[in-house]
Amino acid sequence: MKKNILITGSVALDNIKTPFGEVKEVLGGSATYAAFAASLFSPVKIISIVGSDFPDTYLQNFRDRDIDISGLKVSPGQTFRWTGLYRDNMNEAQTLSVCPENLKDTSMDIPASCKECDYLFLANTDPDIQLEILQNVVNPEIVILDTMNLWIKNKPDRIKKLLDRVDIMVINETESRMFTGRINLVSAGKEISGMGPGTVIIKKGEHGALLFHGGEIFLVPAYPLETVKDPTGAGDSFAGGLIGYLASCRKLDAGAVRKAAVTGTAVASFAVEDFSTKRLESISRVEVESRIEKIKEMTRF
């Protein structure tokens, strides 16, 4: 039987401009991308907050992927918005503006139906919210944590408290250097591992990822694409594919973690092919498996 997954993070409205186009008020947020990715493999529930202006059509998008949104709180005011710009370097976004009113509501209403889960993904959001949810969820088997530079700068101690209680940490290379003060990624990965998590994954964008598990290092290649329209949510999609696969195979040994990381890479490669969650909403498990096989062929020697 597949394990059920609970994901917490942001559900947002994004305004994005890249060299390939511009979109406004599209579905975004860390929990959104992760949930769409993970739902390819196992049942998913989300806990997050949106404003009263959040479109009903986007709620239906979650339902269409059989994502349980009973933990999605609708509060007065505006939904969190992010406006970003990508120039020639598609690995880094320039944040033009944020509308963070709903992030001030750090008290999460956790429905009884969400307090029991097998796998918990604390996608990027305020570490205080992540801690609150972790303390209120009943004995999850596996906990995965993600964060960002804002929280590393403002609440590093809260992140360290979380690290002592999670199984897997997902972080990008810039954030790993910022968090540890180490330039070398191998040193950074090993230092984070020493803070608690048995597995650490450092995302390197189009250059793949470094996985640290059981004293060993595994290099995860990126899937080569000719066109990347919108990198927003790629890291969240990677993490969603990762936890989705782990929940479906119900293992956490070295082989499972490696396959999960490759699966996350394959899922993320679809996410960047179009704006917002458009590609994630349409892909199938068969398509993901096809790309996994191609990654195997490209790395076999």
C-alpha atoms as a PDB file:
ATOM      1  CA  MET A   1       0.000   0.000   0.000  1.00  0.00           C
ATOM      2  CA  LYS A   2       1.266   3.481  -0.858  1.00  0.00           C
ATOM      3  CA  LYS A   3       2.047   5.866   1.969  1.00  0.00           C
ATOM      4  CA  ASN A   4       0.096   9.113   2.272  1.00  0.00           C
ATOM      5  CA  ILE A   5       1.937  12.427   2.097  1.00  0.00           C
ATOM      6  CA  LEU A   6       1.269  15.707   3.890  1.00  0.00           C
ATOM      7  CA  ILE A   7       2.821  18.834   2.392  1.00  0.00           C
ATOM      8  CA  THR A   8       2.987  22.253   3.980  1.00  0.00           C
ATOM      9  CA  GLY A   9       4.290  25.422   2.353  1.00  0.00           C
ATOM     10  CA  SER A  10       2.979  28.328   0.326  1.00  0.00           C
ATOM     11  CA  VAL A  11       0.127  28.390  -2.170  1.00  0.00           C
ATOM     12  CA  ALA A  12       0.568  31.576  -4.138  1.00  0.00           C
ATOM     13  CA  LEU A  13      -0.235  33.680  -7.168  1.00  0.00           C
ATOM     14  CA  ASP A  14       2.824  34.396  -9.289  1.00  0.00           C
ATOM     15  CA  ASN A  15       3.716  37.047 -11.826  1.00  0.00           C
ATOM     16  CA  ILE A  16       6.645  35.806 -13.904  1.00  0.00           C
ATOM     17  CA  LYS A  17       8.661  37.136 -16.815  1.00  0.00           C
ATOM     18  CA  THR A  18      11.336  35.122 -18.621  1.00  0.00           C
ATOM     19  CA  PRO A  19      12.984  35.430 -22.055  1.00  0.00           C
ATOM     20  CA  PHE A  20      10.210  33.112 -23.272  1.00  0.00           C
ATOM     21  CA  GLY A  21       7.190  35.118 -22.168  1.00  0.00           C
ATOM     22  CA  GLU A  22       5.279  36.661 -19.303  1.00  0.00           C
ATOM     23  CA  VAL A  23       2.343  35.471 -17.177  1.00  0.00           C
ATOM     24  CA  LYS A  24       0.325  37.135 -14.442  1.00  0.00           C
ATOM     25  CA  GLU A  25      -1.634  35.817 -11.455  1.00  0.00           C
ATOM     26  CA  VAL A  26      -0.793  32.186 -12.203  1.00  0.00           C
ATOM     27  CA  LEU A  27      -0.837  29.336  -9.712  1.00  0.00           C
ATOM     28  CA  GLY A  28       2.405  29.011  -7.738  1.00  0.00           C
ATOM     29  CA  GLY A  29       3.901  28.392  -4.314  1.00  0.00           C
ATOM     30  CA  SER A  30       6.186  25.758  -2.810  1.00  0.00           C
ATOM     31  CA  ALA A  31       3.372  23.499  -1.579  1.00  0.00           C
ATOM     32  CA  THR A  32       1.631  23.749  -4.942  1.00  0.00           C
ATOM     33  CA  TYR A  33       4.528  22.519  -7.059  1.00  0.00           C
ATOM     34  CA  ALA A  34       5.488  19.842  -4.551  1.00  0.00           C
ATOM     35  CA  ALA A  35       1.915  18.559  -4.288  1.00  0.00           C
ATOM     36  CA  PHE A  36       1.400  18.304  -8.040  1.00  0.00           C
ATOM     37  CA  ALA A  37       4.687  16.425  -8.367  1.00  0.00           C
ATOM     38  CA  ALA A  38       4.114  14.063  -5.439  1.00  0.00           C
ATOM     39  CA  SER A  39       0.535  13.275  -6.513  1.00  0.00           C
ATOM     40  CA  LEU A  40       1.938  11.336  -9.473  1.00  0.00           C
ATOM     41  CA  PHE A  41       3.014   8.633  -7.025  1.00  0.00           C
ATOM     42  CA  SER A  42       0.984   8.677  -3.789  1.00  0.00           C
ATOM     43  CA  PRO A  43      -2.038  10.307  -2.101  1.00  0.00           C
ATOM     44  CA  VAL A  44      -1.318  13.921  -1.083  1.00  0.00           C
ATOM     45  CA  LYS A  45      -2.805  16.403   1.371  1.00  0.00           C
ATOM     46  CA  ILE A  46      -1.690  20.012   1.772  1.00  0.00           C
ATOM     47  CA  ILE A  47      -1.756  22.527   4.610  1.00  0.00           C
ATOM     48  CA  SER A  48      -1.456  26.176   3.613  1.00  0.00           C
ATOM     49  CA  ILE A  49      -3.184  29.554   3.575  1.00  0.00           C
ATOM     50  CA  VAL A  50      -4.737  31.569   0.751  1.00  0.00           C
ATOM     51  CA  GLY A  51      -6.740  34.771   0.675  1.00  0.00           C
ATOM     52  CA  SER A  52     -10.371  35.262  -0.211  1.00  0.00           C
ATOM     53  CA  ASP A  53      -9.219  36.376  -3.676  1.00  0.00           C
ATOM     54  CA  PHE A  54      -7.807  32.957  -4.568  1.00  0.00           C
ATOM     55  CA  PRO A  55      -9.501  31.750  -7.785  1.00  0.00           C
ATOM     56  CA  ASP A  56     -11.861  28.778  -7.579  1.00  0.00           C
ATOM     57  CA  THR A  57     -10.418  27.491 -10.850  1.00  0.00           C
ATOM     58  CA  TYR A  58      -7.071  26.940  -9.125  1.00  0.00           C
ATOM     59  CA  LEU A  59      -8.746  25.035  -6.301  1.00  0.00           C
ATOM     60  CA  GLN A  60     -10.219  22.772  -8.957  1.00  0.00           C
ATOM     61  CA  ASN A  61      -6.741  22.200 -10.390  1.00  0.00           C
ATOM     62  CA  PHE A  62      -5.772  20.586  -7.081  1.00  0.00           C
ATOM     63  CA  ARG A  63      -8.909  18.463  -7.042  1.00  0.00           C
ATOM     64  CA  ASP A  64      -8.296  17.320 -10.611  1.00  0.00           C
ATOM     65  CA  ARG A  65      -5.003  15.772  -9.430  1.00  0.00           C
ATOM     66  CA  ASP A  66      -6.808  14.174  -6.438  1.00  0.00           C
ATOM     67  CA  ILE A  67      -4.945  16.430  -3.990  1.00  0.00           C
ATOM     68  CA  ASP A  68      -6.770  16.792  -0.665  1.00  0.00           C
ATOM     69  CA  ILE A  69      -7.134  20.530   0.076  1.00  0.00           C
ATOM     70  CA  SER A  70      -9.176  20.233   3.276  1.00  0.00           C
ATOM     71  CA  GLY A  71      -6.179  21.756   5.077  1.00  0.00           C
ATOM     72  CA  LEU A  72      -6.073  24.803   2.800  1.00  0.00           C
ATOM     73  CA  LYS A  73      -7.234  27.711   4.961  1.00  0.00           C
ATOM     74  CA  VAL A  74      -9.001  30.651   3.316  1.00  0.00           C
ATOM     75  CA  SER A  75      -8.393  33.807   5.328  1.00  0.00           C
ATOM     76  CA  PRO A  76      -9.478  37.423   4.795  1.00  0.00           C
ATOM     77  CA  GLY A  77      -7.179  39.532   2.679  1.00  0.00           C
ATOM     78  CA  GLN A  78      -4.916  38.774  -0.229  1.00  0.00           C
ATOM     79  CA  THR A  79      -3.260  35.573  -1.299  1.00  0.00           C
ATOM     80  CA  PHE A  80       0.547  35.621  -1.120  1.00  0.00           C
ATOM     81  CA  ARG A  81       1.999  36.947  -4.376  1.00  0.00           C
ATOM     82  CA  TRP A  82       5.462  36.766  -5.856  1.00  0.00           C
ATOM     83  CA  THR A  83       6.682  38.722  -8.866  1.00  0.00           C
ATOM     84  CA  GLY A  84       9.896  37.476 -10.426  1.00  0.00           C
ATOM     85  CA  LEU A  85      12.110  38.128 -13.421  1.00  0.00           C
ATOM     86  CA  TYR A  86      14.481  35.734 -15.162  1.00  0.00           C
ATOM     87  CA  ARG A  87      17.072  37.103 -17.564  1.00  0.00           C
ATOM     88  CA  ASP A  88      19.705  35.115 -19.469  1.00  0.00           C
ATOM     89  CA  ASN A  89      20.709  33.186 -16.336  1.00  0.00           C
ATOM     90  CA  MET A  90      17.642  31.036 -15.864  1.00  0.00           C
ATOM     91  CA  ASN A  91      19.068  29.520 -12.681  1.00  0.00           C
ATOM     92  CA  GLU A  92      18.439  32.672 -10.662  1.00  0.00           C
ATOM     93  CA  ALA A  93      15.296  34.751 -10.356  1.00  0.00           C
ATOM     94  CA  GLN A  94      15.237  38.415  -9.493  1.00  0.00           C
ATOM     95  CA  THR A  95      12.449  39.061  -7.019  1.00  0.00           C
ATOM     96  CA  LEU A  96      10.695  42.272  -8.010  1.00  0.00           C
ATOM     97  CA  SER A  97       8.032  42.299  -5.331  1.00  0.00           C
ATOM     98  CA  VAL A  98       6.228  40.180  -2.752  1.00  0.00           C
ATOM     99  CA  CYS A  99       2.885  40.601  -1.059  1.00  0.00           C
ATOM    100  CA  PRO A 100       3.370  38.676   2.188  1.00  0.00           C
ATOM    101  CA  GLU A 101       0.292  39.602   4.225  1.00  0.00           C
ATOM    102  CA  ASN A 102      -0.831  36.027   4.758  1.00  0.00           C
ATOM    103  CA  LEU A 103       2.606  34.988   5.965  1.00  0.00           C
ATOM    104  CA  LYS A 104       1.932  37.054   9.076  1.00  0.00           C
ATOM    105  CA  ASP A 105      -0.644  34.452  10.090  1.00  0.00           C
ATOM    106  CA  THR A 106       1.738  31.953  11.646  1.00  0.00           C
ATOM    107  CA  SER A 107      -0.973  29.986  13.432  1.00  0.00           C
ATOM    108  CA  MET A 108      -1.989  27.070  11.252  1.00  0.00           C
ATOM    109  CA  ASP A 109      -5.327  25.350  11.580  1.00  0.00           C
ATOM    110  CA  ILE A 110      -4.503  21.669  11.195  1.00  0.00           C
ATOM    111  CA  PRO A 111      -7.606  19.553  10.531  1.00  0.00           C
ATOM    112  CA  ALA A 112      -7.817  16.260  12.384  1.00  0.00           C
ATOM    113  CA  SER A 113      -7.669  14.479   9.022  1.00  0.00           C
ATOM    114  CA  CYS A 114      -4.193  15.974   8.436  1.00  0.00           C
ATOM    115  CA  LYS A 115      -2.672  15.209  11.818  1.00  0.00           C
ATOM    116  CA  GLU A 116      -1.866  11.648  10.853  1.00  0.00           C
ATOM    117  CA  CYS A 117       0.360  11.076   7.849  1.00  0.00           C
ATOM    118  CA  ASP A 118       3.062   8.657   6.800  1.00  0.00           C
ATOM    119  CA  TYR A 119       5.394  11.100   5.060  1.00  0.00           C
ATOM    120  CA  LEU A 120       5.670  14.820   5.821  1.00  0.00           C
ATOM    121  CA  PHE A 121       7.247  17.393   3.533  1.00  0.00           C
ATOM    122  CA  LEU A 122       7.915  20.764   5.151  1.00  0.00           C
ATOM    123  CA  ALA A 123       8.229  22.761   1.933  1.00  0.00           C
ATOM    124  CA  ASN A 124       9.661  26.256   2.032  1.00  0.00           C
ATOM    125  CA  THR A 125       7.825  28.558   4.434  1.00  0.00           C
ATOM    126  CA  ASP A 126       8.454  30.223   7.807  1.00  0.00           C
ATOM    127  CA  PRO A 127      10.390  27.803  10.084  1.00  0.00           C
ATOM    128  CA  ASP A 128       8.015  28.638  12.941  1.00  0.00           C
ATOM    129  CA  ILE A 129       5.118  27.307  10.853  1.00  0.00           C
ATOM    130  CA  GLN A 130       7.172  24.242   9.935  1.00  0.00           C
ATOM    131  CA  LEU A 131       7.926  23.583  13.615  1.00  0.00           C
ATOM    132  CA  GLU A 132       4.305  24.012  14.619  1.00  0.00           C
ATOM    133  CA  ILE A 133       3.135  21.512  12.029  1.00  0.00           C
ATOM    134  CA  LEU A 134       5.881  19.034  12.884  1.00  0.00           C
ATOM    135  CA  GLN A 135       4.891  19.212  16.547  1.00  0.00           C
ATOM    136  CA  ASN A 136       1.224  18.591  15.740  1.00  0.00           C
ATOM    137  CA  VAL A 137       1.537  15.766  13.236  1.00  0.00           C
ATOM    138  CA  VAL A 138       1.458  12.319  14.812  1.00  0.00           C
ATOM    139  CA  ASN A 139       4.676  10.331  14.353  1.00  0.00           C
ATOM    140  CA  PRO A 140       5.346  10.657  10.608  1.00  0.00           C
ATOM    141  CA  GLU A 141       7.679   7.940   9.335  1.00  0.00           C
ATOM    142  CA  ILE A 142       9.722  10.260   7.121  1.00  0.00           C
ATOM    143  CA  VAL A 143      10.141  14.051   7.356  1.00  0.00           C
ATOM    144  CA  ILE A 144      11.693  16.135   4.570  1.00  0.00           C
ATOM    145  CA  LEU A 145      12.663  19.787   5.007  1.00  0.00           C
ATOM    146  CA  ASP A 146      13.257  22.621   2.538  1.00  0.00           C
ATOM    147  CA  THR A 147      14.007  26.287   3.239  1.00  0.00           C
ATOM    148  CA  MET A 148      15.288  29.456   1.569  1.00  0.00           C
ATOM    149  CA  ASN A 149      17.781  32.302   2.020  1.00  0.00           C
ATOM    150  CA  LEU A 150      15.258  34.574   3.797  1.00  0.00           C
ATOM    151  CA  TRP A 151      14.821  32.107   6.661  1.00  0.00           C
ATOM    152  CA  ILE A 152      18.506  31.200   6.733  1.00  0.00           C
ATOM    153  CA  LYS A 153      19.280  34.872   7.256  1.00  0.00           C
ATOM    154  CA  ASN A 154      16.535  35.653   9.765  1.00  0.00           C
ATOM    155  CA  LYS A 155      15.876  32.375  11.619  1.00  0.00           C
ATOM    156  CA  PRO A 156      18.934  30.082  11.376  1.00  0.00           C
ATOM    157  CA  ASP A 157      18.442  28.755  14.908  1.00  0.00           C
ATOM    158  CA  ARG A 158      14.904  27.632  14.099  1.00  0.00           C
ATOM    159  CA  ILE A 159      16.168  25.784  11.028  1.00  0.00           C
ATOM    160  CA  LYS A 160      18.821  24.050  13.142  1.00  0.00           C
ATOM    161  CA  LYS A 161      16.116  22.983  15.578  1.00  0.00           C
ATOM    162  CA  LEU A 162      14.179  21.486  12.684  1.00  0.00           C
ATOM    163  CA  LEU A 163      17.234  19.699  11.298  1.00  0.00           C
ATOM    164  CA  ASP A 164      17.551  17.676  14.458  1.00  0.00           C
ATOM    165  CA  ARG A 165      14.116  16.197  13.785  1.00  0.00           C
ATOM    166  CA  VAL A 166      14.059  15.555  10.026  1.00  0.00           C
ATOM    167  CA  ASP A 167      15.272  12.669   7.870  1.00  0.00           C
ATOM    168  CA  ILE A 168      16.064  14.525   4.645  1.00  0.00           C
ATOM    169  CA  MET A 169      17.177  18.102   4.028  1.00  0.00           C
ATOM    170  CA  VAL A 170      16.774  19.624   0.548  1.00  0.00           C
ATOM    171  CA  ILE A 171      18.620  22.889  -0.064  1.00  0.00           C
ATOM    172  CA  ASN A 172      20.140  24.688  -3.048  1.00  0.00           C
ATOM    173  CA  GLU A 173      23.852  25.349  -3.430  1.00  0.00           C
ATOM    174  CA  THR A 174      23.700  29.086  -2.643  1.00  0.00           C
ATOM    175  CA  GLU A 175      21.651  28.432   0.490  1.00  0.00           C
ATOM    176  CA  SER A 176      23.940  25.611   1.622  1.00  0.00           C
ATOM    177  CA  ARG A 177      26.945  27.934   1.475  1.00  0.00           C
ATOM    178  CA  MET A 178      25.010  30.663   3.267  1.00  0.00           C
ATOM    179  CA  PHE A 179      23.796  28.297   5.989  1.00  0.00           C
ATOM    180  CA  THR A 180      27.137  26.621   6.711  1.00  0.00           C
ATOM    181  CA  GLY A 181      29.594  29.363   5.745  1.00  0.00           C
ATOM    182  CA  ARG A 182      31.436  26.801   3.622  1.00  0.00           C
ATOM    183  CA  ILE A 183      32.228  27.416  -0.053  1.00  0.00           C
ATOM    184  CA  ASN A 184      32.875  23.772  -0.913  1.00  0.00           C
ATOM    185  CA  LEU A 185      29.580  21.903  -1.411  1.00  0.00           C
ATOM    186  CA  VAL A 186      30.947  18.582  -0.182  1.00  0.00           C
ATOM    187  CA  SER A 187      31.987  20.226   3.069  1.00  0.00           C
ATOM    188  CA  ALA A 188      28.620  22.004   3.291  1.00  0.00           C
ATOM    189  CA  GLY A 189      26.695  18.786   2.712  1.00  0.00           C
ATOM    190  CA  LYS A 190      28.660  16.892   5.340  1.00  0.00           C
ATOM    191  CA  GLU A 191      28.209  19.688   7.871  1.00  0.00           C
ATOM    192  CA  ILE A 192      24.438  19.748   7.380  1.00  0.00           C
ATOM    193  CA  SER A 193      24.372  15.947   7.706  1.00  0.00           C
ATOM    194  CA  GLY A 194      26.079  16.345  11.066  1.00  0.00           C
ATOM    195  CA  MET A 195      23.178  18.501  12.260  1.00  0.00           C
ATOM    196  CA  GLY A 196      20.732  15.599  12.145  1.00  0.00           C
ATOM    197  CA  PRO A 197      19.313  14.523   8.778  1.00  0.00           C
ATOM    198  CA  GLY A 198      20.469  11.158   7.473  1.00  0.00           C
ATOM    199  CA  THR A 199      20.161  12.423   3.897  1.00  0.00           C
ATOM    200  CA  VAL A 200      21.103  15.836   2.504  1.00  0.00           C
ATOM    201  CA  ILE A 201      20.468  16.890  -1.083  1.00  0.00           C
ATOM    202  CA  ILE A 202      22.077  20.042  -2.467  1.00  0.00           C
ATOM    203  CA  LYS A 203      20.295  21.220  -5.623  1.00  0.00           C
ATOM    204  CA  LYS A 204      22.490  22.694  -8.360  1.00  0.00           C
ATOM    205  CA  GLY A 205      19.859  23.730 -10.909  1.00  0.00           C
ATOM    206  CA  GLU A 206      20.767  22.769 -14.464  1.00  0.00           C
ATOM    207  CA  HIS A 207      23.866  21.035 -13.094  1.00  0.00           C
ATOM    208  CA  GLY A 208      21.892  18.434 -11.151  1.00  0.00           C
ATOM    209  CA  ALA A 209      22.277  17.738  -7.439  1.00  0.00           C
ATOM    210  CA  LEU A 210      24.605  16.250  -4.818  1.00  0.00           C
ATOM    211  CA  LEU A 211      23.149  13.595  -2.536  1.00  0.00           C
ATOM    212  CA  PHE A 212      24.754  12.699   0.793  1.00  0.00           C
ATOM    213  CA  HIS A 213      23.502   9.488   2.410  1.00  0.00           C
ATOM    214  CA  GLY A 214      25.130   6.958   4.717  1.00  0.00           C
ATOM    215  CA  GLY A 215      28.566   8.486   4.321  1.00  0.00           C
ATOM    216  CA  GLU A 216      28.397   8.188   0.530  1.00  0.00           C
ATOM    217  CA  ILE A 217      27.961  10.834  -2.178  1.00  0.00           C
ATOM    218  CA  PHE A 218      25.802  10.392  -5.265  1.00  0.00           C
ATOM    219  CA  LEU A 219      25.790  12.835  -8.163  1.00  0.00           C
ATOM    220  CA  VAL A 220      22.349  13.312  -9.690  1.00  0.00           C
ATOM    221  CA  PRO A 221      22.506  14.627 -13.276  1.00  0.00           C
ATOM    222  CA  ALA A 222      19.997  17.112 -14.620  1.00  0.00           C
ATOM    223  CA  TYR A 223      17.840  16.075 -17.549  1.00  0.00           C
ATOM    224  CA  PRO A 224      19.063  18.038 -20.603  1.00  0.00           C
ATOM    225  CA  LEU A 225      16.434  20.292 -22.163  1.00  0.00           C
ATOM    226  CA  GLU A 226      16.628  22.507 -25.226  1.00  0.00           C
ATOM    227  CA  THR A 227      14.027  24.929 -23.881  1.00  0.00           C
ATOM    228  CA  VAL A 228      13.398  26.056 -20.315  1.00  0.00           C
ATOM    229  CA  LYS A 229      10.447  28.442 -20.255  1.00  0.00           C
ATOM    230  CA  ASP A 230      10.004  28.952 -16.513  1.00  0.00           C
ATOM    231  CA  PRO A 231      12.291  27.570 -13.768  1.00  0.00           C
ATOM    232  CA  THR A 232       9.916  28.678 -10.991  1.00  0.00           C
ATOM    233  CA  GLY A 233       9.044  25.732  -8.767  1.00  0.00           C
ATOM    234  CA  ALA A 234      11.703  23.409 -10.192  1.00  0.00           C
ATOM    235  CA  GLY A 235      13.225  22.748  -6.768  1.00  0.00           C
ATOM    236  CA  ASP A 236       9.813  22.179  -5.196  1.00  0.00           C
ATOM    237  CA  SER A 237       8.870  19.822  -8.034  1.00  0.00           C
ATOM    238  CA  PHE A 238      12.127  17.948  -7.483  1.00  0.00           C
ATOM    239  CA  ALA A 239      11.342  17.528  -3.790  1.00  0.00           C
ATOM    240  CA  GLY A 240       7.759  16.523  -4.562  1.00  0.00           C
ATOM    241  CA  GLY A 241       8.925  13.838  -6.969  1.00  0.00           C
ATOM    242  CA  LEU A 242      11.470  12.711  -4.386  1.00  0.00           C
ATOM    243  CA  ILE A 243       9.000  12.238  -1.542  1.00  0.00           C
ATOM    244  CA  GLY A 244       6.381  10.869  -3.926  1.00  0.00           C
ATOM    245  CA  TYR A 245       8.676   8.081  -5.065  1.00  0.00           C
ATOM    246  CA  LEU A 246       9.815   7.277  -1.507  1.00  0.00           C
ATOM    247  CA  ALA A 247       6.189   7.060  -0.393  1.00  0.00           C
ATOM    248  CA  SER A 248       5.368   4.727  -3.256  1.00  0.00           C
ATOM    249  CA  CYS A 249       8.298   2.358  -2.666  1.00  0.00           C
ATOM    250  CA  ARG A 250       8.160   2.593   1.165  1.00  0.00           C
ATOM    251  CA  LYS A 251      11.932   2.407   1.588  1.00  0.00           C
ATOM    252  CA  LEU A 252      14.720   4.735   2.708  1.00  0.00           C
ATOM    253  CA  ASP A 253      17.843   2.740   1.900  1.00  0.00           C
ATOM    254  CA  ALA A 254      20.644   4.026  -0.347  1.00  0.00           C
ATOM    255  CA  GLY A 255      19.139   2.581  -3.520  1.00  0.00           C
ATOM    256  CA  ALA A 256      15.686   4.031  -2.839  1.00  0.00           C
ATOM    257  CA  VAL A 257      17.052   7.482  -2.042  1.00  0.00           C
ATOM    258  CA  ARG A 258      19.127   7.513  -5.233  1.00  0.00           C
ATOM    259  CA  LYS A 259      16.174   6.420  -7.373  1.00  0.00           C
ATOM    260  CA  ALA A 260      14.017   9.019  -5.629  1.00  0.00           C
ATOM    261  CA  ALA A 261      16.495  11.788  -6.452  1.00  0.00           C
ATOM    262  CA  VAL A 262      16.601  10.753 -10.105  1.00  0.00           C
ATOM    263  CA  THR A 263      12.802  10.618 -10.116  1.00  0.00           C
ATOM    264  CA  GLY A 264      12.672  14.137  -8.682  1.00  0.00           C
ATOM    265  CA  THR A 265      15.026  15.298 -11.433  1.00  0.00           C
ATOM    266  CA  ALA A 266      12.785  13.790 -14.104  1.00  0.00           C
ATOM    267  CA  VAL A 267       9.655  15.403 -12.662  1.00  0.00           C
ATOM    268  CA  ALA A 268      11.358  18.800 -12.351  1.00  0.00           C
ATOM    269  CA  SER A 269      12.412  18.625 -15.998  1.00  0.00           C
ATOM    270  CA  PHE A 270       8.746  18.672 -16.982  1.00  0.00           C
ATOM    271  CA  ALA A 271       7.883  21.528 -14.615  1.00  0.00           C
ATOM    272  CA  VAL A 272      10.266  23.978 -16.316  1.00  0.00           C
ATOM    273  CA  GLU A 273       8.939  23.310 -19.825  1.00  0.00           C
ATOM    274  CA  ASP A 274       6.007  25.680 -19.359  1.00  0.00           C
ATOM    275  CA  PHE A 275       4.829  28.458 -17.057  1.00  0.00           C
ATOM    276  CA  SER A 276       3.290  27.762 -13.670  1.00  0.00           C
ATOM    277  CA  THR A 277       2.032  24.200 -13.100  1.00  0.00           C
ATOM    278  CA  LYS A 278       0.783  23.609 -16.646  1.00  0.00           C
ATOM    279  CA  ARG A 279       3.121  20.719 -17.451  1.00  0.00           C
ATOM    280  CA  LEU A 280       2.813  19.153 -14.019  1.00  0.00           C
ATOM    281  CA  GLU A 281      -0.950  19.091 -14.422  1.00  0.00           C
ATOM    282  CA  SER A 282      -0.769  17.026 -17.592  1.00  0.00           C
ATOM    283  CA  ILE A 283       2.157  14.610 -17.243  1.00  0.00           C
ATOM    284  CA  SER A 284       1.751  10.929 -16.442  1.00  0.00           C
ATOM    285  CA  ARG A 285       3.787   8.422 -14.457  1.00  0.00           C
ATOM    286  CA  VAL A 286       4.672   6.720 -17.746  1.00  0.00           C
ATOM    287  CA  GLU A 287       6.246   9.925 -19.081  1.00  0.00           C
ATOM    288  CA  VAL A 288       8.289  10.320 -15.915  1.00  0.00           C
ATOM    289  CA  GLU A 289       9.529   6.721 -16.113  1.00  0.00           C
ATOM    290  CA  SER A 290      10.563   7.328 -19.727  1.00  0.00           C
ATOM    291  CA  ARG A 291      12.805  10.208 -18.704  1.00  0.00           C
ATOM    292  CA  ILE A 292      14.253   8.200 -15.841  1.00  0.00           C
ATOM    293  CA  GLU A 293      15.275   5.534 -18.347  1.00  0.00           C
ATOM    294  CA  LYS A 294      16.886   8.196 -20.552  1.00  0.00           C
ATOM    295  CA  ILE A 295      18.867   9.494 -17.572  1.00  0.00           C
ATOM    296  CA  LYS A 296      20.056   5.913 -16.956  1.00  0.00           C
ATOM    297  CA  GLU A 297      21.189   5.605 -20.557  1.00  0.00           C
ATOM    298  CA  MET A 298      23.036   8.934 -20.444  1.00  0.00           C
ATOM    299  CA  THR A 299      24.966   7.969 -17.319  1.00  0.00           C
ATOM    300  CA  ARG A 300      25.770   4.325 -18.146  1.00  0.00           C
ATOM    301  CA  PHE A 301      29.374   3.563 -19.138  1.00  0.00           C
END
